[in-house]
Amino acid sequence: MNAQVNQLAFIANNSSILIVGGGTGWILEEIVKIHPKGLKITYVEISSKMIDLSKARNCGNNEVLLINSSIEEFDDEQYFDCILTPFLFDNFSAERCGKVFQKLNFMLNNKGLWLLVDFTAHSSRGVWWKKLFLYVMYKFFSVLSHVEAKALVNMIPFFENAEYKIVEERFYYSQFIQAIVFQKQK
């Protein structure tokens, strides 16, 4: 939660925001603490139960559109100033990560910000317990919710290839969670 909350300071006033896979919507109440009004938030979540929980959140005087859909099926001609993808890409295969990245990249305005928070196993600290945790997590979720991923996909090369600039990078939980603010350069 801290990884996501700390990034919210980068959201500019009166921005259009796309949140993909926000779960229960708790982040909406954190956003309103910084921006009680003026934001236009589009919240895309595949779980109808999570959408129902999100409906009960205090969004202040921000305009919030809740959409029950996968990101692949979400179709909007709007471009966004900021995209949040909290723990999204750890659910997908490498192929699907690429497709979702391309779609979101297209939807982000030039100089827009992409707030990425996800697991990472690419640091050398605590490799053994991270691998064990990920193995157990993927086994559990493959049974419970049919998560297609079997391993983490390193998303950094996607951003590098699209020439994003890192504005801020932080790590949490012994460098197991990364929180990166990217800025689109072209």
N, C-alpha and C. Protein backbone atom coordinates (compact mmCIF):
# COMPACT_ATOMS: atom_id res chain seq x y z
N MET A 1 0.83 -1.19 0.00
CA MET A 1 0.00 0.00 0.00
C MET A 1 0.87 1.25 0.00
N ASN A 2 1.95 1.22 0.80
CA ASN A 2 2.83 2.39 0.84
C ASN A 2 3.42 2.70 -0.52
N ALA A 3 3.78 1.66 -1.26
CA ALA A 3 4.35 1.86 -2.59
C ALA A 3 3.39 2.61 -3.49
N GLN A 4 2.13 2.29 -3.41
CA GLN A 4 1.13 2.97 -4.24
C GLN A 4 0.84 4.38 -3.74
N VAL A 5 0.69 4.54 -2.44
CA VAL A 5 0.35 5.83 -1.85
C VAL A 5 1.46 6.85 -2.10
N ASN A 6 2.71 6.43 -1.98
CA ASN A 6 3.82 7.36 -2.16
C ASN A 6 3.88 7.94 -3.57
N GLN A 7 3.37 7.21 -4.54
CA GLN A 7 3.40 7.70 -5.92
C GLN A 7 2.33 8.75 -6.21
N LEU A 8 1.31 8.81 -5.41
CA LEU A 8 0.17 9.69 -5.69
C LEU A 8 0.55 11.17 -5.73
N ALA A 9 1.63 11.55 -5.10
CA ALA A 9 2.08 12.94 -5.11
C ALA A 9 2.45 13.40 -6.52
N PHE A 10 2.69 12.48 -7.43
CA PHE A 10 3.06 12.82 -8.80
C PHE A 10 1.85 13.15 -9.67
N ILE A 11 0.66 12.86 -9.20
CA ILE A 11 -0.55 13.16 -9.98
C ILE A 11 -0.80 14.66 -9.95
N ALA A 12 -0.90 15.25 -11.12
CA ALA A 12 -1.13 16.69 -11.23
C ALA A 12 -2.62 17.02 -11.06
N ASN A 13 -2.89 18.23 -10.63
CA ASN A 13 -4.27 18.71 -10.51
C ASN A 13 -4.97 18.61 -11.86
N ASN A 14 -6.25 18.32 -11.81
CA ASN A 14 -7.12 18.29 -13.00
C ASN A 14 -6.66 17.30 -14.06
N SER A 15 -6.05 16.22 -13.65
CA SER A 15 -5.58 15.18 -14.57
C SER A 15 -6.69 14.20 -14.92
N SER A 16 -6.51 13.57 -16.06
CA SER A 16 -7.33 12.41 -16.41
C SER A 16 -6.49 11.18 -16.09
N ILE A 17 -7.07 10.28 -15.33
CA ILE A 17 -6.33 9.13 -14.79
C ILE A 17 -7.02 7.84 -15.19
N LEU A 18 -6.21 6.86 -15.54
CA LEU A 18 -6.69 5.50 -15.79
C LEU A 18 -6.07 4.60 -14.74
N ILE A 19 -6.91 3.92 -13.97
CA ILE A 19 -6.45 2.94 -12.99
C ILE A 19 -6.87 1.57 -13.52
N VAL A 20 -5.89 0.69 -13.68
CA VAL A 20 -6.17 -0.64 -14.24
C VAL A 20 -5.93 -1.69 -13.16
N GLY A 21 -6.97 -2.43 -12.83
CA GLY A 21 -6.83 -3.50 -11.84
C GLY A 21 -6.68 -2.98 -10.42
N GLY A 22 -7.52 -2.07 -10.04
CA GLY A 22 -7.40 -1.43 -8.74
C GLY A 22 -7.99 -2.19 -7.57
N GLY A 23 -8.57 -3.35 -7.82
CA GLY A 23 -9.11 -4.15 -6.72
C GLY A 23 -10.27 -3.49 -6.02
N THR A 24 -10.18 -3.38 -4.70
CA THR A 24 -11.29 -2.91 -3.87
C THR A 24 -11.55 -1.41 -3.98
N GLY A 25 -10.65 -0.70 -4.62
CA GLY A 25 -10.83 0.74 -4.76
C GLY A 25 -10.30 1.56 -3.61
N TRP A 26 -9.57 0.94 -2.70
CA TRP A 26 -9.05 1.68 -1.55
C TRP A 26 -8.19 2.87 -2.00
N ILE A 27 -7.53 2.75 -3.14
CA ILE A 27 -6.66 3.82 -3.62
C ILE A 27 -7.44 5.10 -3.93
N LEU A 28 -8.73 4.95 -4.27
CA LEU A 28 -9.55 6.13 -4.54
C LEU A 28 -9.64 7.04 -3.32
N GLU A 29 -9.73 6.45 -2.14
CA GLU A 29 -9.81 7.23 -0.90
C GLU A 29 -8.47 7.88 -0.57
N GLU A 30 -7.38 7.27 -1.01
CA GLU A 30 -6.06 7.87 -0.82
C GLU A 30 -5.87 9.03 -1.81
N ILE A 31 -6.35 8.87 -3.02
CA ILE A 31 -6.25 9.94 -4.01
C ILE A 31 -7.01 11.17 -3.55
N VAL A 32 -8.20 10.98 -2.98
CA VAL A 32 -9.02 12.12 -2.56
C VAL A 32 -8.36 12.92 -1.43
N LYS A 33 -7.47 12.31 -0.68
CA LYS A 33 -6.74 13.03 0.36
C LYS A 33 -5.81 14.08 -0.25
N ILE A 34 -5.33 13.82 -1.45
CA ILE A 34 -4.43 14.76 -2.13
C ILE A 34 -5.20 15.64 -3.12
N HIS A 35 -6.17 15.03 -3.79
CA HIS A 35 -6.97 15.71 -4.81
C HIS A 35 -8.45 15.53 -4.49
N PRO A 36 -9.02 16.38 -3.64
CA PRO A 36 -10.43 16.22 -3.29
C PRO A 36 -11.39 16.54 -4.44
N LYS A 37 -10.86 17.19 -5.50
CA LYS A 37 -11.71 17.52 -6.65
C LYS A 37 -10.83 17.72 -7.88
N GLY A 38 -11.49 17.71 -9.02
CA GLY A 38 -10.83 18.09 -10.26
C GLY A 38 -10.27 16.97 -11.11
N LEU A 39 -10.22 15.76 -10.58
CA LEU A 39 -9.69 14.65 -11.37
C LEU A 39 -10.80 13.95 -12.13
N LYS A 40 -10.44 13.42 -13.27
CA LYS A 40 -11.34 12.56 -14.02
C LYS A 40 -10.69 11.17 -14.02
N ILE A 41 -11.29 10.24 -13.26
CA ILE A 41 -10.70 8.92 -13.04
C ILE A 41 -11.54 7.86 -13.75
N THR A 42 -10.86 7.06 -14.56
CA THR A 42 -11.49 5.89 -15.17
C THR A 42 -10.86 4.68 -14.49
N TYR A 43 -11.71 3.85 -13.93
CA TYR A 43 -11.27 2.74 -13.07
C TYR A 43 -11.71 1.43 -13.73
N VAL A 44 -10.77 0.69 -14.28
CA VAL A 44 -11.07 -0.55 -15.00
C VAL A 44 -10.66 -1.73 -14.13
N GLU A 45 -11.64 -2.58 -13.83
CA GLU A 45 -11.42 -3.74 -12.96
C GLU A 45 -12.22 -4.91 -13.52
N ILE A 46 -11.57 -6.06 -13.63
CA ILE A 46 -12.21 -7.23 -14.22
C ILE A 46 -13.22 -7.89 -13.28
N SER A 47 -13.06 -7.73 -11.98
CA SER A 47 -13.92 -8.38 -11.00
C SER A 47 -15.12 -7.51 -10.65
N SER A 48 -16.32 -8.04 -10.87
CA SER A 48 -17.53 -7.29 -10.52
C SER A 48 -17.64 -7.09 -9.00
N LYS A 49 -17.13 -8.04 -8.23
CA LYS A 49 -17.15 -7.89 -6.77
C LYS A 49 -16.29 -6.70 -6.33
N MET A 50 -15.13 -6.54 -7.00
CA MET A 50 -14.25 -5.42 -6.66
C MET A 50 -14.87 -4.09 -7.10
N ILE A 51 -15.57 -4.10 -8.21
CA ILE A 51 -16.27 -2.88 -8.66
C ILE A 51 -17.33 -2.49 -7.62
N ASP A 52 -18.07 -3.47 -7.11
CA ASP A 52 -19.09 -3.19 -6.09
C ASP A 52 -18.46 -2.58 -4.84
N LEU A 53 -17.31 -3.10 -4.42
CA LEU A 53 -16.61 -2.54 -3.26
C LEU A 53 -16.12 -1.12 -3.56
N SER A 54 -15.67 -0.91 -4.77
CA SER A 54 -15.16 0.41 -5.17
C SER A 54 -16.25 1.46 -5.18
N LYS A 55 -17.47 1.06 -5.48
CA LYS A 55 -18.60 2.00 -5.53
C LYS A 55 -18.84 2.66 -4.18
N ALA A 56 -18.49 1.99 -3.10
CA ALA A 56 -18.73 2.52 -1.75
C ALA A 56 -17.63 3.47 -1.29
N ARG A 57 -16.60 3.67 -2.09
CA ARG A 57 -15.47 4.51 -1.69
C ARG A 57 -15.78 6.00 -1.82
N ASN A 58 -15.19 6.77 -0.92
CA ASN A 58 -15.29 8.21 -0.97
C ASN A 58 -14.34 8.74 -2.04
N CYS A 59 -14.88 9.33 -3.07
CA CYS A 59 -14.07 9.86 -4.17
C CYS A 59 -14.05 11.37 -4.19
N GLY A 60 -14.60 11.99 -3.13
CA GLY A 60 -14.64 13.44 -3.07
C GLY A 60 -15.46 13.98 -4.22
N ASN A 61 -15.00 15.08 -4.79
CA ASN A 61 -15.68 15.69 -5.93
C ASN A 61 -14.95 15.38 -7.24
N ASN A 62 -14.27 14.28 -7.27
CA ASN A 62 -13.64 13.81 -8.50
C ASN A 62 -14.66 13.04 -9.31
N GLU A 63 -14.52 13.10 -10.61
CA GLU A 63 -15.40 12.35 -11.50
C GLU A 63 -14.81 10.96 -11.66
N VAL A 64 -15.56 9.95 -11.27
CA VAL A 64 -15.05 8.57 -11.32
C VAL A 64 -15.99 7.71 -12.15
N LEU A 65 -15.42 7.04 -13.13
CA LEU A 65 -16.15 6.12 -13.97
C LEU A 65 -15.62 4.72 -13.69
N LEU A 66 -16.47 3.85 -13.13
CA LEU A 66 -16.09 2.47 -12.81
C LEU A 66 -16.51 1.58 -13.97
N ILE A 67 -15.55 0.82 -14.48
CA ILE A 67 -15.83 -0.04 -15.63
C ILE A 67 -15.43 -1.47 -15.29
N ASN A 68 -16.39 -2.37 -15.37
CA ASN A 68 -16.17 -3.79 -15.11
C ASN A 68 -15.77 -4.47 -16.43
N SER A 69 -14.45 -4.61 -16.63
CA SER A 69 -13.94 -5.15 -17.89
C SER A 69 -12.48 -5.54 -17.71
N SER A 70 -12.02 -6.43 -18.56
CA SER A 70 -10.58 -6.66 -18.65
C SER A 70 -9.99 -5.48 -19.40
N ILE A 71 -8.73 -5.23 -19.22
CA ILE A 71 -8.11 -4.11 -19.92
C ILE A 71 -8.05 -4.37 -21.42
N GLU A 72 -7.95 -5.62 -21.81
CA GLU A 72 -7.91 -5.93 -23.24
C GLU A 72 -9.24 -5.59 -23.91
N GLU A 73 -10.34 -5.76 -23.21
CA GLU A 73 -11.67 -5.48 -23.78
C GLU A 73 -12.10 -4.03 -23.60
N PHE A 74 -11.43 -3.32 -22.70
CA PHE A 74 -11.75 -1.92 -22.46
C PHE A 74 -11.44 -1.12 -23.72
N ASP A 75 -12.43 -0.33 -24.14
CA ASP A 75 -12.26 0.46 -25.35
C ASP A 75 -12.70 1.88 -25.07
N ASP A 76 -11.76 2.79 -25.16
CA ASP A 76 -12.05 4.19 -24.90
C ASP A 76 -11.15 5.01 -25.82
N GLU A 77 -11.69 6.03 -26.40
CA GLU A 77 -10.89 6.86 -27.30
C GLU A 77 -10.22 8.00 -26.56
N GLN A 78 -10.38 8.03 -25.26
CA GLN A 78 -9.77 9.08 -24.44
C GLN A 78 -8.29 8.77 -24.23
N TYR A 79 -7.51 9.82 -24.12
CA TYR A 79 -6.11 9.69 -23.73
C TYR A 79 -5.99 10.18 -22.29
N PHE A 80 -5.03 9.63 -21.58
CA PHE A 80 -4.91 9.90 -20.16
C PHE A 80 -3.59 10.60 -19.84
N ASP A 81 -3.63 11.42 -18.78
CA ASP A 81 -2.43 12.10 -18.30
C ASP A 81 -1.61 11.20 -17.39
N CYS A 82 -2.28 10.22 -16.77
CA CYS A 82 -1.61 9.35 -15.81
C CYS A 82 -2.29 7.97 -15.82
N ILE A 83 -1.47 6.94 -15.80
CA ILE A 83 -1.96 5.56 -15.74
C ILE A 83 -1.37 4.90 -14.51
N LEU A 84 -2.22 4.22 -13.74
CA LEU A 84 -1.77 3.44 -12.58
C LEU A 84 -2.01 1.97 -12.87
N THR A 85 -0.97 1.17 -12.70
CA THR A 85 -1.10 -0.28 -12.88
C THR A 85 -0.55 -0.98 -11.63
N PRO A 86 -1.34 -0.99 -10.56
CA PRO A 86 -0.88 -1.63 -9.32
C PRO A 86 -1.00 -3.16 -9.37
N PHE A 87 0.12 -3.82 -9.29
CA PHE A 87 0.16 -5.29 -9.27
C PHE A 87 -0.67 -5.89 -10.40
N LEU A 88 -0.50 -5.35 -11.57
CA LEU A 88 -1.25 -5.80 -12.74
C LEU A 88 -0.46 -6.84 -13.54
N PHE A 89 0.76 -6.51 -13.89
CA PHE A 89 1.51 -7.33 -14.84
C PHE A 89 1.95 -8.67 -14.27
N ASP A 90 1.94 -8.82 -12.95
CA ASP A 90 2.33 -10.12 -12.37
C ASP A 90 1.29 -11.20 -12.63
N ASN A 91 0.14 -10.80 -13.20
CA ASN A 91 -0.93 -11.75 -13.52
C ASN A 91 -0.81 -12.34 -14.92
N PHE A 92 0.03 -11.76 -15.76
CA PHE A 92 0.01 -12.07 -17.18
C PHE A 92 1.25 -12.81 -17.65
N SER A 93 1.08 -13.56 -18.73
CA SER A 93 2.21 -14.15 -19.44
C SER A 93 2.99 -13.03 -20.13
N ALA A 94 4.20 -13.33 -20.58
CA ALA A 94 5.02 -12.32 -21.25
C ALA A 94 4.32 -11.78 -22.50
N GLU A 95 3.68 -12.65 -23.25
CA GLU A 95 3.00 -12.23 -24.47
C GLU A 95 1.87 -11.25 -24.14
N ARG A 96 1.09 -11.59 -23.14
CA ARG A 96 -0.04 -10.73 -22.77
C ARG A 96 0.47 -9.42 -22.16
N CYS A 97 1.57 -9.47 -21.41
CA CYS A 97 2.16 -8.23 -20.88
C CYS A 97 2.48 -7.27 -22.01
N GLY A 98 3.06 -7.81 -23.08
CA GLY A 98 3.41 -6.98 -24.22
C GLY A 98 2.20 -6.33 -24.86
N LYS A 99 1.13 -7.09 -25.01
CA LYS A 99 -0.09 -6.56 -25.62
C LYS A 99 -0.73 -5.48 -24.74
N VAL A 100 -0.79 -5.75 -23.44
CA VAL A 100 -1.39 -4.79 -22.51
C VAL A 100 -0.52 -3.53 -22.45
N PHE A 101 0.80 -3.71 -22.41
CA PHE A 101 1.68 -2.55 -22.39
C PHE A 101 1.44 -1.67 -23.62
N GLN A 102 1.40 -2.28 -24.79
CA GLN A 102 1.21 -1.51 -26.02
C GLN A 102 -0.13 -0.74 -26.01
N LYS A 103 -1.15 -1.39 -25.53
CA LYS A 103 -2.46 -0.73 -25.47
C LYS A 103 -2.43 0.47 -24.54
N LEU A 104 -1.86 0.27 -23.35
CA LEU A 104 -1.80 1.37 -22.38
C LEU A 104 -0.86 2.47 -22.86
N ASN A 105 0.24 2.10 -23.46
CA ASN A 105 1.19 3.08 -23.98
C ASN A 105 0.49 4.00 -24.99
N PHE A 106 -0.34 3.42 -25.83
CA PHE A 106 -1.09 4.19 -26.82
C PHE A 106 -2.06 5.17 -26.15
N MET A 107 -2.61 4.80 -24.99
CA MET A 107 -3.63 5.60 -24.31
C MET A 107 -3.04 6.72 -23.44
N LEU A 108 -1.73 6.71 -23.25
CA LEU A 108 -1.09 7.70 -22.38
C LEU A 108 -0.62 8.89 -23.21
N ASN A 109 -0.98 10.08 -22.75
CA ASN A 109 -0.55 11.31 -23.42
C ASN A 109 0.97 11.44 -23.42
N ASN A 110 1.50 12.17 -24.39
CA ASN A 110 2.91 12.50 -24.41
C ASN A 110 3.25 13.28 -23.13
N LYS A 111 4.34 12.92 -22.50
CA LYS A 111 4.78 13.47 -21.21
C LYS A 111 3.90 13.00 -20.06
N GLY A 112 2.98 12.08 -20.31
CA GLY A 112 2.14 11.52 -19.26
C GLY A 112 2.94 10.62 -18.34
N LEU A 113 2.40 10.36 -17.16
CA LEU A 113 3.07 9.53 -16.16
C LEU A 113 2.41 8.17 -16.07
N TRP A 114 3.24 7.17 -15.88
CA TRP A 114 2.78 5.79 -15.67
C TRP A 114 3.31 5.37 -14.31
N LEU A 115 2.41 5.11 -13.38
CA LEU A 115 2.78 4.70 -12.02
C LEU A 115 2.69 3.18 -11.94
N LEU A 116 3.83 2.55 -11.96
CA LEU A 116 3.93 1.08 -11.94
C LEU A 116 4.31 0.62 -10.54
N VAL A 117 3.53 -0.28 -9.98
CA VAL A 117 3.88 -0.94 -8.72
C VAL A 117 3.66 -2.43 -8.95
N ASP A 118 4.70 -3.21 -8.67
CA ASP A 118 4.58 -4.65 -8.87
C ASP A 118 5.72 -5.37 -8.17
N PHE A 119 5.60 -6.68 -8.12
CA PHE A 119 6.67 -7.50 -7.58
C PHE A 119 7.85 -7.50 -8.54
N THR A 120 9.03 -7.68 -7.98
CA THR A 120 10.21 -7.85 -8.80
C THR A 120 11.13 -8.88 -8.15
N ALA A 121 11.68 -9.72 -8.96
CA ALA A 121 12.65 -10.71 -8.47
C ALA A 121 14.01 -10.44 -9.09
N HIS A 122 14.20 -9.21 -9.56
CA HIS A 122 15.40 -8.90 -10.32
C HIS A 122 16.50 -8.26 -9.48
N SER A 123 16.30 -8.17 -8.18
CA SER A 123 17.39 -7.71 -7.32
C SER A 123 18.06 -8.93 -6.71
N SER A 124 19.27 -8.74 -6.24
CA SER A 124 20.02 -9.88 -5.71
C SER A 124 19.74 -10.13 -4.23
N ARG A 125 18.99 -9.28 -3.59
CA ARG A 125 18.69 -9.44 -2.17
C ARG A 125 17.56 -10.44 -1.96
N GLY A 126 17.78 -11.43 -1.12
CA GLY A 126 16.73 -12.37 -0.73
C GLY A 126 16.18 -13.22 -1.86
N VAL A 127 17.03 -13.59 -2.80
CA VAL A 127 16.58 -14.32 -3.99
C VAL A 127 15.83 -15.60 -3.62
N TRP A 128 16.32 -16.36 -2.66
CA TRP A 128 15.73 -17.66 -2.36
C TRP A 128 14.30 -17.52 -1.83
N TRP A 129 14.07 -16.58 -0.89
CA TRP A 129 12.72 -16.48 -0.34
C TRP A 129 11.76 -15.82 -1.32
N LYS A 130 12.26 -14.96 -2.19
CA LYS A 130 11.40 -14.37 -3.21
C LYS A 130 10.94 -15.45 -4.20
N LYS A 131 11.86 -16.30 -4.60
CA LYS A 131 11.49 -17.39 -5.52
C LYS A 131 10.48 -18.32 -4.88
N LEU A 132 10.69 -18.64 -3.61
CA LEU A 132 9.76 -19.50 -2.90
C LEU A 132 8.39 -18.84 -2.77
N PHE A 133 8.37 -17.57 -2.38
CA PHE A 133 7.12 -16.83 -2.24
C PHE A 133 6.37 -16.78 -3.57
N LEU A 134 7.09 -16.48 -4.65
CA LEU A 134 6.45 -16.40 -5.97
C LEU A 134 5.91 -17.75 -6.41
N TYR A 135 6.66 -18.81 -6.14
CA TYR A 135 6.21 -20.16 -6.50
C TYR A 135 4.89 -20.48 -5.78
N VAL A 136 4.85 -20.23 -4.48
CA VAL A 136 3.64 -20.50 -3.69
C VAL A 136 2.49 -19.59 -4.16
N MET A 137 2.80 -18.32 -4.40
CA MET A 137 1.77 -17.37 -4.84
C MET A 137 1.17 -17.81 -6.17
N TYR A 138 2.01 -18.15 -7.13
CA TYR A 138 1.49 -18.54 -8.44
C TYR A 138 0.73 -19.87 -8.39
N LYS A 139 1.17 -20.80 -7.57
CA LYS A 139 0.43 -22.06 -7.41
C LYS A 139 -0.95 -21.79 -6.80
N PHE A 140 -0.98 -20.98 -5.77
CA PHE A 140 -2.22 -20.65 -5.08
C PHE A 140 -3.20 -19.97 -6.03
N PHE A 141 -2.73 -18.92 -6.73
CA PHE A 141 -3.63 -18.17 -7.60
C PHE A 141 -4.00 -18.91 -8.88
N SER A 142 -3.18 -19.85 -9.31
CA SER A 142 -3.56 -20.63 -10.49
C SER A 142 -4.75 -21.52 -10.18
N VAL A 143 -4.85 -21.97 -8.94
CA VAL A 143 -5.98 -22.79 -8.52
C VAL A 143 -7.19 -21.91 -8.19
N LEU A 144 -6.94 -20.83 -7.46
CA LEU A 144 -8.02 -19.99 -6.96
C LEU A 144 -8.66 -19.13 -8.05
N SER A 145 -7.85 -18.48 -8.87
CA SER A 145 -8.44 -17.52 -9.81
C SER A 145 -7.92 -17.65 -11.24
N HIS A 146 -7.30 -18.74 -11.54
CA HIS A 146 -6.86 -19.02 -12.91
C HIS A 146 -5.92 -17.96 -13.47
N VAL A 147 -4.98 -17.48 -12.65
CA VAL A 147 -3.95 -16.56 -13.12
C VAL A 147 -3.09 -17.31 -14.12
N GLU A 148 -2.87 -16.71 -15.28
CA GLU A 148 -2.14 -17.40 -16.35
C GLU A 148 -0.63 -17.38 -16.15
N ALA A 149 -0.11 -16.41 -15.42
CA ALA A 149 1.34 -16.27 -15.26
C ALA A 149 1.91 -17.41 -14.43
N LYS A 150 3.09 -17.81 -14.80
CA LYS A 150 3.84 -18.82 -14.04
C LYS A 150 5.10 -18.22 -13.44
N ALA A 151 5.46 -17.04 -13.92
CA ALA A 151 6.66 -16.34 -13.45
C ALA A 151 6.48 -14.85 -13.71
N LEU A 152 7.25 -14.04 -12.97
CA LEU A 152 7.20 -12.60 -13.17
C LEU A 152 7.83 -12.23 -14.51
N VAL A 153 7.25 -11.25 -15.14
CA VAL A 153 7.82 -10.69 -16.36
C VAL A 153 8.49 -9.38 -15.97
N ASN A 154 9.73 -9.21 -16.37
CA ASN A 154 10.44 -7.96 -16.12
C ASN A 154 9.88 -6.91 -17.07
N MET A 155 9.19 -5.93 -16.54
CA MET A 155 8.53 -4.92 -17.37
C MET A 155 9.47 -3.78 -17.77
N ILE A 156 10.59 -3.66 -17.13
CA ILE A 156 11.50 -2.55 -17.42
C ILE A 156 11.88 -2.47 -18.90
N PRO A 157 12.23 -3.58 -19.57
CA PRO A 157 12.57 -3.48 -20.99
C PRO A 157 11.44 -2.92 -21.86
N PHE A 158 10.19 -3.16 -21.51
CA PHE A 158 9.07 -2.59 -22.27
C PHE A 158 9.12 -1.07 -22.22
N PHE A 159 9.37 -0.52 -21.02
CA PHE A 159 9.44 0.92 -20.86
C PHE A 159 10.69 1.49 -21.53
N GLU A 160 11.81 0.79 -21.41
CA GLU A 160 13.04 1.24 -22.05
C GLU A 160 12.89 1.27 -23.57
N ASN A 161 12.31 0.23 -24.14
CA ASN A 161 12.12 0.17 -25.59
C ASN A 161 11.18 1.26 -26.10
N ALA A 162 10.25 1.67 -25.27
CA ALA A 162 9.33 2.75 -25.63
C ALA A 162 9.88 4.11 -25.24
N GLU A 163 11.11 4.13 -24.75
CA GLU A 163 11.85 5.36 -24.40
C GLU A 163 11.19 6.18 -23.30
N TYR A 164 10.69 5.50 -22.28
CA TYR A 164 10.18 6.19 -21.10
C TYR A 164 11.36 6.61 -20.23
N LYS A 165 11.16 7.67 -19.49
CA LYS A 165 12.16 8.16 -18.55
C LYS A 165 11.71 7.80 -17.13
N ILE A 166 12.62 7.33 -16.31
CA ILE A 166 12.29 7.06 -14.90
C ILE A 166 12.36 8.37 -14.13
N VAL A 167 11.24 8.76 -13.52
CA VAL A 167 11.16 9.97 -12.71
C VAL A 167 11.52 9.65 -11.27
N GLU A 168 11.03 8.50 -10.79
CA GLU A 168 11.35 8.06 -9.43
C GLU A 168 11.26 6.54 -9.38
N GLU A 169 12.15 5.96 -8.59
CA GLU A 169 12.14 4.51 -8.40
C GLU A 169 12.39 4.22 -6.92
N ARG A 170 11.49 3.44 -6.35
CA ARG A 170 11.62 3.03 -4.94
C ARG A 170 11.38 1.53 -4.84
N PHE A 171 11.97 0.95 -3.80
CA PHE A 171 11.76 -0.47 -3.55
C PHE A 171 11.25 -0.65 -2.13
N TYR A 172 10.46 -1.69 -1.94
CA TYR A 172 9.85 -1.99 -0.65
C TYR A 172 10.00 -3.48 -0.37
N TYR A 173 9.85 -3.83 0.89
CA TYR A 173 9.84 -5.23 1.31
C TYR A 173 11.08 -5.96 0.81
N SER A 174 12.24 -5.46 1.25
CA SER A 174 13.55 -6.03 0.87
C SER A 174 13.71 -6.12 -0.66
N GLN A 175 13.31 -5.09 -1.34
CA GLN A 175 13.39 -4.96 -2.80
C GLN A 175 12.56 -6.00 -3.54
N PHE A 176 11.48 -6.44 -2.92
CA PHE A 176 10.58 -7.40 -3.57
C PHE A 176 9.46 -6.68 -4.31
N ILE A 177 9.18 -5.46 -3.91
CA ILE A 177 8.17 -4.65 -4.57
C ILE A 177 8.85 -3.40 -5.12
N GLN A 178 8.61 -3.14 -6.39
CA GLN A 178 9.16 -1.94 -7.02
C GLN A 178 8.03 -0.97 -7.31
N ALA A 179 8.34 0.30 -7.12
CA ALA A 179 7.40 1.38 -7.43
C ALA A 179 8.15 2.38 -8.29
N ILE A 180 7.77 2.45 -9.55
CA ILE A 180 8.48 3.32 -10.49
C ILE A 180 7.48 4.27 -11.13
N VAL A 181 7.88 5.53 -11.17
CA VAL A 181 7.12 6.55 -11.89
C VAL A 181 7.87 6.77 -13.21
N PHE A 182 7.21 6.42 -14.30
CA PHE A 182 7.77 6.62 -15.64
C PHE A 182 7.10 7.82 -16.29
N GLN A 183 7.85 8.50 -17.15
CA GLN A 183 7.27 9.56 -17.96
C GLN A 183 7.46 9.23 -19.43
N LYS A 184 6.38 9.30 -20.15
CA LYS A 184 6.41 9.02 -21.58
C LYS A 184 7.12 10.18 -22.30
N GLN A 185 8.07 9.84 -23.14
CA GLN A 185 8.87 10.86 -23.80
C GLN A 185 8.42 11.16 -25.23
N LYS A 186 7.69 10.23 -25.83
CA LYS A 186 7.26 10.50 -27.22
C LYS A 186 5.90 9.90 -27.47
